[in-house]
Amino acid sequence: MKSDLKINILLGLFAGLLVGVNLLGGKITSIFGISVSVGIFIMPVCFLITDIIEEVHGRKLANHFIIAGAVTLIIIFLYTALFVVLAPHQRYGFNQEYKTIFGASLRMILASLAAFILSQTHDVWAFAFWKKKTKGKQLWLRNNLSTIVSQFIDTSVFMFIAFYNIAPKFTFWFIVQLIVPYYLFKVLFALLDTPFVYLGSKWLKGKDYD
């Protein structure tokens, strides 16, 4: 499989997952008795993809992924806002449910967009910083150091924009209490994906780098 096709596959997956985390992430599940969004299973993969891209093709291409992701989220936000207010046909009997589900997604998408841009920009910068410090070695260290900090930025920015003052109980300290366990789970997932950054980098390099 040629390198360009592999890059396109990763870019399509990256954009698709970003849309998915916004449209599907409203559901709350439980891990070890702690309530978390199902989106927690998606975002670590997005960071994994940009780390793989940067490891093989450099910071510039990784930044292109971020730009493509941001544009995708903006377009999805505009479409969602339009479709929520668009008058339904008389035979469509689920408009209120549609508005309830996707109307709530609007603030989530804005929060996700801000968190995505800030955290992914940091992740790409930090990965390049640690790559220089380690002279291109210790991929596992670079992957985890960049992702762990970036996940904290992502979680904190998203939580505050999405939920702060959404209801009386969503105070500053209540949001902090939500961030801590959610972030710790993200750190765990980041550690678990370490073998996949090696496998992904090897797959993307292919014979072109042999």
Protein backbone atom coordinates (compact mmCIF):
# COMPACT_ATOMS: atom_id res chain seq x y z
CA MET A 1 0.00 0.00 0.00
CA LYS A 2 1.44 3.37 -1.03
CA SER A 3 2.30 6.01 1.55
CA ASP A 4 -0.17 8.59 0.17
CA LEU A 5 -3.05 6.15 0.49
CA LYS A 6 -2.08 5.32 4.06
CA ILE A 7 -2.00 9.03 4.93
CA ASN A 8 -5.43 9.51 3.37
CA ILE A 9 -6.81 6.57 5.33
CA LEU A 10 -5.51 8.07 8.58
CA LEU A 11 -6.86 11.52 7.67
CA GLY A 12 -10.30 10.10 6.90
CA LEU A 13 -10.28 8.13 10.14
CA PHE A 14 -9.12 11.19 12.07
CA ALA A 15 -11.89 13.45 10.73
CA GLY A 16 -14.50 10.72 11.13
CA LEU A 17 -13.58 10.11 14.76
CA LEU A 18 -13.76 13.83 15.53
CA VAL A 19 -17.31 13.97 14.18
CA GLY A 20 -18.15 10.75 15.99
CA VAL A 21 -16.97 11.95 19.38
CA ASN A 22 -19.23 15.00 19.10
CA LEU A 23 -22.33 13.22 17.84
CA LEU A 24 -21.97 10.10 20.00
CA GLY A 25 -20.20 11.48 23.06
CA GLY A 26 -23.36 12.67 24.80
CA LYS A 27 -23.99 9.20 26.22
CA ILE A 28 -22.65 8.59 29.73
CA THR A 29 -21.39 5.16 30.72
CA SER A 30 -19.66 3.82 33.82
CA ILE A 31 -16.09 2.54 34.22
CA PHE A 32 -15.31 1.08 37.66
CA GLY A 33 -18.30 2.96 39.04
CA ILE A 34 -17.20 6.33 37.63
CA SER A 35 -19.45 8.04 35.07
CA VAL A 36 -17.69 9.06 31.86
CA SER A 37 -18.67 10.01 28.32
CA VAL A 38 -18.36 7.27 25.73
CA GLY A 39 -16.17 9.76 23.86
CA ILE A 40 -13.34 8.75 26.18
CA PHE A 41 -12.81 5.72 23.93
CA ILE A 42 -12.39 7.90 20.83
CA MET A 43 -10.18 10.88 21.68
CA PRO A 44 -7.04 8.89 22.58
CA VAL A 45 -7.14 7.42 19.06
CA CYS A 46 -7.11 10.93 17.57
CA PHE A 47 -3.95 11.78 19.53
CA LEU A 48 -2.47 8.45 18.49
CA ILE A 49 -3.03 9.25 14.81
CA THR A 50 -1.32 12.65 14.93
CA ASP A 51 1.61 11.15 16.86
CA ILE A 52 2.02 8.47 14.20
CA ILE A 53 1.83 11.05 11.41
CA GLU A 54 4.37 13.33 13.10
CA GLU A 55 6.74 10.49 13.87
CA VAL A 56 6.89 9.42 10.22
CA HIS A 57 6.19 12.58 8.21
CA GLY A 58 6.94 15.42 10.60
CA ARG A 59 5.27 18.32 12.34
CA LYS A 60 4.03 20.10 9.21
CA LEU A 61 1.80 17.24 8.07
CA ALA A 62 0.52 16.70 11.62
CA ASN A 63 -0.52 20.36 11.69
CA HIS A 64 -2.35 19.83 8.39
CA PHE A 65 -4.36 17.10 10.13
CA ILE A 66 -5.29 19.57 12.87
CA ILE A 67 -6.42 22.17 10.32
CA ALA A 68 -8.49 19.56 8.46
CA GLY A 69 -10.05 18.43 11.74
CA ALA A 70 -10.91 21.98 12.80
CA VAL A 71 -12.52 22.76 9.44
CA THR A 72 -14.52 19.53 9.66
CA LEU A 73 -15.83 20.41 13.13
CA ILE A 74 -16.79 23.93 12.05
CA ILE A 75 -18.74 22.62 9.05
CA ILE A 76 -20.49 19.98 11.18
CA PHE A 77 -21.39 22.67 13.72
CA LEU A 78 -22.95 24.88 11.01
CA TYR A 79 -24.90 21.98 9.53
CA THR A 80 -26.10 20.90 12.97
CA ALA A 81 -27.24 24.42 13.85
CA LEU A 82 -29.15 24.68 10.55
CA PHE A 83 -30.79 21.26 10.74
CA VAL A 84 -31.97 21.79 14.33
CA VAL A 85 -33.98 24.90 13.38
CA LEU A 86 -35.07 23.67 9.94
CA ALA A 87 -38.84 23.05 9.86
CA PRO A 88 -39.67 19.32 9.66
CA HIS A 89 -42.00 17.72 7.15
CA GLN A 90 -45.39 16.84 8.62
CA ARG A 91 -44.73 13.13 8.30
CA TYR A 92 -41.54 13.38 10.38
CA GLY A 93 -42.68 12.71 13.94
CA PHE A 94 -39.41 12.90 15.84
CA ASN A 95 -38.46 16.56 15.49
CA GLN A 96 -38.49 17.27 19.22
CA GLU A 97 -36.26 14.29 19.91
CA TYR A 98 -33.98 15.39 17.08
CA LYS A 99 -33.74 18.90 18.56
CA THR A 100 -33.11 17.52 22.05
CA ILE A 101 -30.25 15.28 20.92
CA PHE A 102 -28.55 17.44 18.33
CA GLY A 103 -29.40 20.80 19.89
CA ALA A 104 -27.40 19.77 22.93
CA SER A 105 -24.54 18.87 20.61
CA LEU A 106 -24.02 22.50 19.55
CA ARG A 107 -22.35 23.59 22.78
CA MET A 108 -20.49 20.29 22.85
CA ILE A 109 -19.11 20.87 19.36
CA LEU A 110 -17.94 24.39 20.26
CA ALA A 111 -16.29 23.04 23.39
CA SER A 112 -14.76 20.20 21.44
CA LEU A 113 -13.46 22.56 18.75
CA ALA A 114 -11.69 24.81 21.26
CA ALA A 115 -10.31 21.84 23.21
CA PHE A 116 -9.25 20.06 20.03
CA ILE A 117 -7.31 23.01 18.59
CA LEU A 118 -5.51 23.82 21.84
CA SER A 119 -4.71 20.25 22.88
CA GLN A 120 -3.72 18.95 19.45
CA THR A 121 -1.54 22.00 18.75
CA HIS A 122 0.23 21.39 22.04
CA ASP A 123 0.52 17.67 21.32
CA VAL A 124 2.20 18.25 17.97
CA TRP A 125 4.54 20.87 19.46
CA ALA A 126 5.41 18.72 22.50
CA PHE A 127 6.02 15.63 20.38
CA ALA A 128 8.47 17.60 18.22
CA PHE A 129 10.10 19.08 21.33
CA TRP A 130 10.68 15.68 22.94
CA LYS A 131 11.75 14.15 19.63
CA LYS A 132 14.52 16.73 19.43
CA LYS A 133 15.48 16.18 23.08
CA THR A 134 15.64 12.39 22.65
CA LYS A 135 17.34 12.69 19.24
CA GLY A 136 14.60 10.70 17.57
CA LYS A 137 14.78 7.82 20.05
CA GLN A 138 12.45 6.59 22.83
CA LEU A 139 9.21 6.91 20.89
CA TRP A 140 7.26 5.54 23.85
CA LEU A 141 8.48 8.43 26.03
CA ARG A 142 7.72 11.12 23.46
CA ASN A 143 4.29 9.69 22.78
CA ASN A 144 3.30 9.57 26.43
CA LEU A 145 4.82 12.87 27.58
CA SER A 146 3.12 14.81 24.78
CA THR A 147 -0.21 13.01 25.04
CA ILE A 148 -0.57 13.06 28.83
CA VAL A 149 -0.26 16.86 29.02
CA SER A 150 -2.37 17.36 25.91
CA GLN A 151 -5.15 15.19 27.30
CA PHE A 152 -5.25 17.38 30.40
CA ILE A 153 -5.66 20.47 28.22
CA ASP A 154 -8.31 18.73 26.14
CA THR A 155 -10.29 17.54 29.17
CA SER A 156 -10.12 20.81 31.11
CA VAL A 157 -11.00 23.12 28.21
CA PHE A 158 -13.82 20.87 27.03
CA MET A 159 -15.38 20.41 30.47
CA PHE A 160 -15.42 24.10 31.34
CA ILE A 161 -16.80 25.28 28.00
CA ALA A 162 -19.34 22.45 27.69
CA PHE A 163 -20.66 22.30 31.26
CA TYR A 164 -19.73 25.37 33.31
CA ASN A 165 -22.94 26.96 34.66
CA ILE A 166 -25.08 24.70 32.48
CA ALA A 167 -26.98 24.03 35.72
CA PRO A 168 -26.60 25.47 39.26
CA LYS A 169 -24.50 22.54 40.48
CA PHE A 170 -21.96 22.92 37.67
CA THR A 171 -19.67 25.25 39.60
CA PHE A 172 -15.91 25.61 39.15
CA TRP A 173 -15.09 23.00 41.78
CA PHE A 174 -17.77 20.60 40.57
CA ILE A 175 -16.22 20.74 37.09
CA VAL A 176 -12.79 20.07 38.61
CA GLN A 177 -14.21 16.97 40.30
CA LEU A 178 -15.47 15.80 36.92
CA ILE A 179 -12.13 16.47 35.23
CA VAL A 180 -9.91 14.46 37.60
CA PRO A 181 -11.29 10.91 37.09
CA TYR A 182 -12.03 11.56 33.40
CA TYR A 183 -8.45 12.72 32.84
CA LEU A 184 -6.98 9.78 34.74
CA PHE A 185 -8.85 7.37 32.48
CA LYS A 186 -7.47 9.23 29.46
CA VAL A 187 -3.94 8.87 30.85
CA LEU A 188 -4.52 5.14 31.27
CA PHE A 189 -5.71 4.83 27.68
CA ALA A 190 -2.71 6.88 26.51
CA LEU A 191 -0.35 4.45 28.23
CA LEU A 192 -2.18 1.46 26.76
CA ASP A 193 -1.92 2.80 23.22
CA THR A 194 1.90 2.89 23.30
CA PRO A 195 2.31 -0.40 21.36
CA PHE A 196 -0.06 0.95 18.71
CA VAL A 197 2.06 4.03 18.04
CA TYR A 198 4.94 1.67 17.22
CA LEU A 199 2.75 -0.55 15.05
CA GLY A 200 1.15 2.44 13.33
CA SER A 201 4.50 4.07 12.62
CA LYS A 202 5.89 0.84 11.19
CA TRP A 203 2.79 0.39 9.01
CA LEU A 204 2.92 3.96 7.74
CA LYS A 205 6.62 3.79 6.95
CA GLY A 206 6.25 0.55 5.03
CA LYS A 207 8.93 -0.39 2.50
CA ASP A 208 9.57 3.27 1.67
CA TYR A 209 11.65 3.50 4.86
CA ASP A 210 13.32 0.12 4.78
